[in-house]
Amino acid sequence: MKPPSYREQIRIGGVPITIRTLQPDDRAIEEAFVRELSPDSRYFRFHNSLPELTPAMTERFINLDYPDQMALVACITEAANERQIGVARYARPATEVAADLGIAIADAWQGKGLGTELLRRLLVLAGQAGIRQLSADVLYENHRMRNLARDLGFRLAPSQTDPRTVILLRDVKG
């Protein structure tokens, strides 16, 4: 099922930013966004430093099956072109009430509150979709993500499967 249409204008540091639902025709901006992330940012997001999305990853990321999958993108306009500067997404196995969370912010926009803005909105949409909990495996060294999650009420728990990661957990209100 197609995700609900969501679109909102915000400003960060005086710059107008559109937060909206990721659409299937966003393939080019999603691929460019990941390619333009620094190796460290790609490593923190994907737990490896892949230089770009594989075709299979791109398909999985842009062809979402709502309500089990949802992604919000943050975009700015540069020279009449839309450029993605952030994404927050969840994916829930069909039989579960919990969903996995992923978030990435363009390097130049990290630490400015964009991740907080995206994640707050995604939490609301997840609750509306019947999701009861969001979780994420985060590399322990990813201090920014751990701090963001803590600020938004996530609990941190040690991973039982990977000593490099911690698990972020947050109950979602419907």
C-alpha atoms as a PDB file:
ATOM      1  CA  MET A   1       0.000   0.000   0.000  1.00  0.00           C
ATOM      2  CA  LYS A   2       1.210   3.497  -0.800  1.00  0.00           C
ATOM      3  CA  PRO A   3       2.274   5.616   2.211  1.00  0.00           C
ATOM      4  CA  PRO A   4       0.109   8.562   3.192  1.00  0.00           C
ATOM      5  CA  SER A   5       1.088  11.860   1.685  1.00  0.00           C
ATOM      6  CA  TYR A   6       3.028  13.853   4.239  1.00  0.00           C
ATOM      7  CA  ARG A   7       4.626  17.214   3.507  1.00  0.00           C
ATOM      8  CA  GLU A   8       5.753  19.952   5.866  1.00  0.00           C
ATOM      9  CA  GLN A   9       7.976  22.999   5.557  1.00  0.00           C
ATOM     10  CA  ILE A  10      10.407  23.800   8.363  1.00  0.00           C
ATOM     11  CA  ARG A  11      13.405  26.094   8.742  1.00  0.00           C
ATOM     12  CA  ILE A  12      16.758  25.296  10.268  1.00  0.00           C
ATOM     13  CA  GLY A  13      19.257  28.131  10.472  1.00  0.00           C
ATOM     14  CA  GLY A  14      16.998  30.167   8.193  1.00  0.00           C
ATOM     15  CA  VAL A  15      17.111  27.546   5.423  1.00  0.00           C
ATOM     16  CA  PRO A  16      13.730  26.276   4.184  1.00  0.00           C
ATOM     17  CA  ILE A  17      13.525  22.478   4.321  1.00  0.00           C
ATOM     18  CA  THR A  18      10.750  20.237   3.067  1.00  0.00           C
ATOM     19  CA  ILE A  19      10.053  17.088   5.067  1.00  0.00           C
ATOM     20  CA  ARG A  20       7.958  14.689   3.019  1.00  0.00           C
ATOM     21  CA  THR A  21       7.193  11.075   2.324  1.00  0.00           C
ATOM     22  CA  LEU A  22       9.788   9.298   0.185  1.00  0.00           C
ATOM     23  CA  GLN A  23       8.260   8.370  -3.186  1.00  0.00           C
ATOM     24  CA  PRO A  24       9.204   5.696  -5.755  1.00  0.00           C
ATOM     25  CA  ASP A  25      10.336   8.410  -8.193  1.00  0.00           C
ATOM     26  CA  ASP A  26      12.924   9.618  -5.648  1.00  0.00           C
ATOM     27  CA  ARG A  27      15.450   7.022  -6.824  1.00  0.00           C
ATOM     28  CA  ALA A  28      17.983   9.576  -8.117  1.00  0.00           C
ATOM     29  CA  ILE A  29      17.979  11.811  -5.040  1.00  0.00           C
ATOM     30  CA  GLU A  30      18.159   8.817  -2.668  1.00  0.00           C
ATOM     31  CA  GLU A  31      21.129   7.343  -4.556  1.00  0.00           C
ATOM     32  CA  ALA A  32      22.894  10.734  -4.714  1.00  0.00           C
ATOM     33  CA  PHE A  33      22.265  11.306  -1.000  1.00  0.00           C
ATOM     34  CA  VAL A  34      23.980   8.055   0.003  1.00  0.00           C
ATOM     35  CA  ARG A  35      26.846   8.605  -2.469  1.00  0.00           C
ATOM     36  CA  GLU A  36      27.490  12.075  -1.006  1.00  0.00           C
ATOM     37  CA  LEU A  37      27.653  10.875   2.608  1.00  0.00           C
ATOM     38  CA  SER A  38      31.171  10.722   4.011  1.00  0.00           C
ATOM     39  CA  PRO A  39      32.657   7.250   4.514  1.00  0.00           C
ATOM     40  CA  ASP A  40      32.145   7.691   8.276  1.00  0.00           C
ATOM     41  CA  SER A  41      28.462   8.573   7.852  1.00  0.00           C
ATOM     42  CA  ARG A  42      27.895   5.606   5.521  1.00  0.00           C
ATOM     43  CA  TYR A  43      29.693   3.368   8.023  1.00  0.00           C
ATOM     44  CA  PHE A  44      27.518   4.590  10.900  1.00  0.00           C
ATOM     45  CA  ARG A  45      24.319   4.115   8.854  1.00  0.00           C
ATOM     46  CA  PHE A  46      25.072   0.783   7.156  1.00  0.00           C
ATOM     47  CA  HIS A  47      27.794  -0.617   9.465  1.00  0.00           C
ATOM     48  CA  ASN A  48      30.116  -0.697   6.453  1.00  0.00           C
ATOM     49  CA  SER A  49      31.497   1.930   4.073  1.00  0.00           C
ATOM     50  CA  LEU A  50      29.771   0.912   0.872  1.00  0.00           C
ATOM     51  CA  PRO A  51      30.353   3.702  -1.668  1.00  0.00           C
ATOM     52  CA  GLU A  52      26.780   3.635  -2.985  1.00  0.00           C
ATOM     53  CA  LEU A  53      23.532   1.736  -2.734  1.00  0.00           C
ATOM     54  CA  THR A  54      23.297  -1.520  -4.624  1.00  0.00           C
ATOM     55  CA  PRO A  55      20.374  -1.764  -7.068  1.00  0.00           C
ATOM     56  CA  ALA A  56      18.626  -4.163  -4.662  1.00  0.00           C
ATOM     57  CA  MET A  57      19.060  -1.735  -1.754  1.00  0.00           C
ATOM     58  CA  THR A  58      17.713   1.146  -3.820  1.00  0.00           C
ATOM     59  CA  GLU A  59      14.627  -0.888  -4.730  1.00  0.00           C
ATOM     60  CA  ARG A  60      14.055  -1.847  -1.107  1.00  0.00           C
ATOM     61  CA  PHE A  61      14.541   1.738   0.082  1.00  0.00           C
ATOM     62  CA  ILE A  62      12.222   3.487  -2.389  1.00  0.00           C
ATOM     63  CA  ASN A  63       9.454   0.922  -2.940  1.00  0.00           C
ATOM     64  CA  LEU A  64       7.831   1.010   0.469  1.00  0.00           C
ATOM     65  CA  ASP A  65       4.897  -1.106   1.594  1.00  0.00           C
ATOM     66  CA  TYR A  66       2.935   1.075   4.006  1.00  0.00           C
ATOM     67  CA  PRO A  67       2.038   0.627   6.857  1.00  0.00           C
ATOM     68  CA  ASP A  68       4.896  -1.832   7.388  1.00  0.00           C
ATOM     69  CA  GLN A  69       7.482   0.501   5.843  1.00  0.00           C
ATOM     70  CA  MET A  70       7.739   4.278   5.846  1.00  0.00           C
ATOM     71  CA  ALA A  71      10.416   6.841   5.048  1.00  0.00           C
ATOM     72  CA  LEU A  72      10.534  10.595   5.472  1.00  0.00           C
ATOM     73  CA  VAL A  73      13.084  12.632   3.553  1.00  0.00           C
ATOM     74  CA  ALA A  74      14.322  16.142   4.223  1.00  0.00           C
ATOM     75  CA  CYS A  75      15.073  18.135   1.080  1.00  0.00           C
ATOM     76  CA  ILE A  76      16.345  21.569   0.181  1.00  0.00           C
ATOM     77  CA  THR A  77      16.172  23.324  -3.170  1.00  0.00           C
ATOM     78  CA  GLU A  78      19.436  24.272  -4.863  1.00  0.00           C
ATOM     79  CA  ALA A  79      19.433  25.917  -8.298  1.00  0.00           C
ATOM     80  CA  ALA A  80      15.821  24.780  -8.844  1.00  0.00           C
ATOM     81  CA  ASN A  81      16.738  21.159  -8.042  1.00  0.00           C
ATOM     82  CA  GLU A  82      15.650  19.200  -5.006  1.00  0.00           C
ATOM     83  CA  ARG A  83      18.506  17.764  -2.928  1.00  0.00           C
ATOM     84  CA  GLN A  84      17.973  15.235  -0.176  1.00  0.00           C
ATOM     85  CA  ILE A  85      19.774  16.077   3.077  1.00  0.00           C
ATOM     86  CA  GLY A  86      18.280  13.491   5.409  1.00  0.00           C
ATOM     87  CA  VAL A  87      16.121  10.401   5.721  1.00  0.00           C
ATOM     88  CA  ALA A  88      14.449   8.561   8.586  1.00  0.00           C
ATOM     89  CA  ARG A  89      12.704   5.265   7.990  1.00  0.00           C
ATOM     90  CA  TYR A  90      11.176   2.275   9.655  1.00  0.00           C
ATOM     91  CA  ALA A  91      10.514  -1.262   8.451  1.00  0.00           C
ATOM     92  CA  ARG A  92       8.368  -3.743  10.331  1.00  0.00           C
ATOM     93  CA  PRO A  93       8.103  -7.460   9.616  1.00  0.00           C
ATOM     94  CA  ALA A  94       4.464  -8.109   8.686  1.00  0.00           C
ATOM     95  CA  THR A  95       3.665 -10.125  11.798  1.00  0.00           C
ATOM     96  CA  GLU A  96       5.333  -7.808  14.315  1.00  0.00           C
ATOM     97  CA  VAL A  97       4.280  -4.724  16.262  1.00  0.00           C
ATOM     98  CA  ALA A  98       7.889  -3.479  16.455  1.00  0.00           C
ATOM     99  CA  ALA A  99       9.848  -1.922  13.591  1.00  0.00           C
ATOM    100  CA  ASP A 100      13.508  -1.367  12.778  1.00  0.00           C
ATOM    101  CA  LEU A 101      14.615   2.253  12.541  1.00  0.00           C
ATOM    102  CA  GLY A 102      17.204   3.810  10.259  1.00  0.00           C
ATOM    103  CA  ILE A 103      18.286   7.433   9.941  1.00  0.00           C
ATOM    104  CA  ALA A 104      20.982   9.279   8.014  1.00  0.00           C
ATOM    105  CA  ILE A 105      21.745  12.985   7.801  1.00  0.00           C
ATOM    106  CA  ALA A 106      24.013  14.702   5.265  1.00  0.00           C
ATOM    107  CA  ASP A 107      27.340  15.566   6.867  1.00  0.00           C
ATOM    108  CA  ALA A 108      26.862  19.338   6.521  1.00  0.00           C
ATOM    109  CA  TRP A 109      23.519  19.083   8.343  1.00  0.00           C
ATOM    110  CA  GLN A 110      24.571  16.893  11.248  1.00  0.00           C
ATOM    111  CA  GLY A 111      24.298  18.451  14.703  1.00  0.00           C
ATOM    112  CA  LYS A 112      21.764  21.094  13.583  1.00  0.00           C
ATOM    113  CA  GLY A 113      18.565  19.389  14.737  1.00  0.00           C
ATOM    114  CA  LEU A 114      17.473  17.836  11.449  1.00  0.00           C
ATOM    115  CA  GLY A 115      17.653  14.288  12.803  1.00  0.00           C
ATOM    116  CA  THR A 116      15.457  15.310  15.728  1.00  0.00           C
ATOM    117  CA  GLU A 117      12.905  16.904  13.384  1.00  0.00           C
ATOM    118  CA  LEU A 118      12.743  13.812  11.163  1.00  0.00           C
ATOM    119  CA  LEU A 119      12.610  11.326  14.004  1.00  0.00           C
ATOM    120  CA  ARG A 120       9.873  13.188  15.907  1.00  0.00           C
ATOM    121  CA  ARG A 121       7.646  13.097  12.835  1.00  0.00           C
ATOM    122  CA  LEU A 122       8.466   9.468  12.079  1.00  0.00           C
ATOM    123  CA  LEU A 123       7.494   8.492  15.640  1.00  0.00           C
ATOM    124  CA  VAL A 124       4.045  10.047  15.141  1.00  0.00           C
ATOM    125  CA  LEU A 125       3.542   8.339  11.772  1.00  0.00           C
ATOM    126  CA  ALA A 126       4.718   5.003  13.189  1.00  0.00           C
ATOM    127  CA  GLY A 127       2.147   5.254  15.971  1.00  0.00           C
ATOM    128  CA  GLN A 128      -0.578   6.037  13.437  1.00  0.00           C
ATOM    129  CA  ALA A 129       0.469   2.915  11.499  1.00  0.00           C
ATOM    130  CA  GLY A 130       0.011   0.699  14.556  1.00  0.00           C
ATOM    131  CA  ILE A 131       3.676   0.266  15.346  1.00  0.00           C
ATOM    132  CA  ARG A 132       4.231  -0.096  19.068  1.00  0.00           C
ATOM    133  CA  GLN A 133       8.032   0.013  19.281  1.00  0.00           C
ATOM    134  CA  LEU A 134      10.990   1.250  17.234  1.00  0.00           C
ATOM    135  CA  SER A 135      14.435  -0.266  17.593  1.00  0.00           C
ATOM    136  CA  ALA A 136      17.817   0.274  15.980  1.00  0.00           C
ATOM    137  CA  ASP A 137      21.199  -1.425  16.091  1.00  0.00           C
ATOM    138  CA  VAL A 138      23.683   1.435  16.420  1.00  0.00           C
ATOM    139  CA  LEU A 139      27.444   1.228  16.453  1.00  0.00           C
ATOM    140  CA  TYR A 140      28.658   2.061  19.944  1.00  0.00           C
ATOM    141  CA  GLU A 141      31.020   4.698  18.572  1.00  0.00           C
ATOM    142  CA  ASN A 142      28.117   6.581  16.923  1.00  0.00           C
ATOM    143  CA  HIS A 143      27.814   9.089  19.766  1.00  0.00           C
ATOM    144  CA  ARG A 144      25.584  11.520  17.849  1.00  0.00           C
ATOM    145  CA  MET A 145      22.946   8.880  17.199  1.00  0.00           C
ATOM    146  CA  ARG A 146      23.086   7.591  20.753  1.00  0.00           C
ATOM    147  CA  ASN A 147      22.654  11.153  22.088  1.00  0.00           C
ATOM    148  CA  LEU A 148      19.800  11.915  19.669  1.00  0.00           C
ATOM    149  CA  ALA A 149      18.022   8.720  20.668  1.00  0.00           C
ATOM    150  CA  ARG A 150      18.515   9.377  24.368  1.00  0.00           C
ATOM    151  CA  ASP A 151      17.145  12.929  23.959  1.00  0.00           C
ATOM    152  CA  LEU A 152      14.018  11.495  22.294  1.00  0.00           C
ATOM    153  CA  GLY A 153      13.365   8.950  25.026  1.00  0.00           C
ATOM    154  CA  PHE A 154      14.978   5.841  23.581  1.00  0.00           C
ATOM    155  CA  ARG A 155      16.443   3.289  25.974  1.00  0.00           C
ATOM    156  CA  LEU A 156      19.892   1.882  25.244  1.00  0.00           C
ATOM    157  CA  ALA A 157      20.580  -1.806  25.757  1.00  0.00           C
ATOM    158  CA  PRO A 158      23.650  -3.892  24.979  1.00  0.00           C
ATOM    159  CA  SER A 159      23.440  -6.020  21.860  1.00  0.00           C
ATOM    160  CA  GLN A 160      23.336  -9.747  22.478  1.00  0.00           C
ATOM    161  CA  THR A 161      24.750 -10.523  19.022  1.00  0.00           C
ATOM    162  CA  ASP A 162      27.324  -7.848  18.159  1.00  0.00           C
ATOM    163  CA  PRO A 163      29.657  -6.332  20.751  1.00  0.00           C
ATOM    164  CA  ARG A 164      30.208  -3.306  18.457  1.00  0.00           C
ATOM    165  CA  THR A 165      26.579  -2.223  18.730  1.00  0.00           C
ATOM    166  CA  VAL A 166      23.953  -1.080  21.196  1.00  0.00           C
ATOM    167  CA  ILE A 167      20.215  -1.467  20.745  1.00  0.00           C
ATOM    168  CA  LEU A 168      18.031   1.641  20.877  1.00  0.00           C
ATOM    169  CA  LEU A 169      14.425   1.005  21.939  1.00  0.00           C
ATOM    170  CA  ARG A 170      11.435   3.308  22.209  1.00  0.00           C
ATOM    171  CA  ASP A 171       7.778   2.575  22.732  1.00  0.00           C
ATOM    172  CA  VAL A 172       5.523   4.402  20.284  1.00  0.00           C
ATOM    173  CA  LYS A 173       2.142   5.853  21.173  1.00  0.00           C
ATOM    174  CA  GLY A 174      -0.716   5.117  18.783  1.00  0.00           C
END
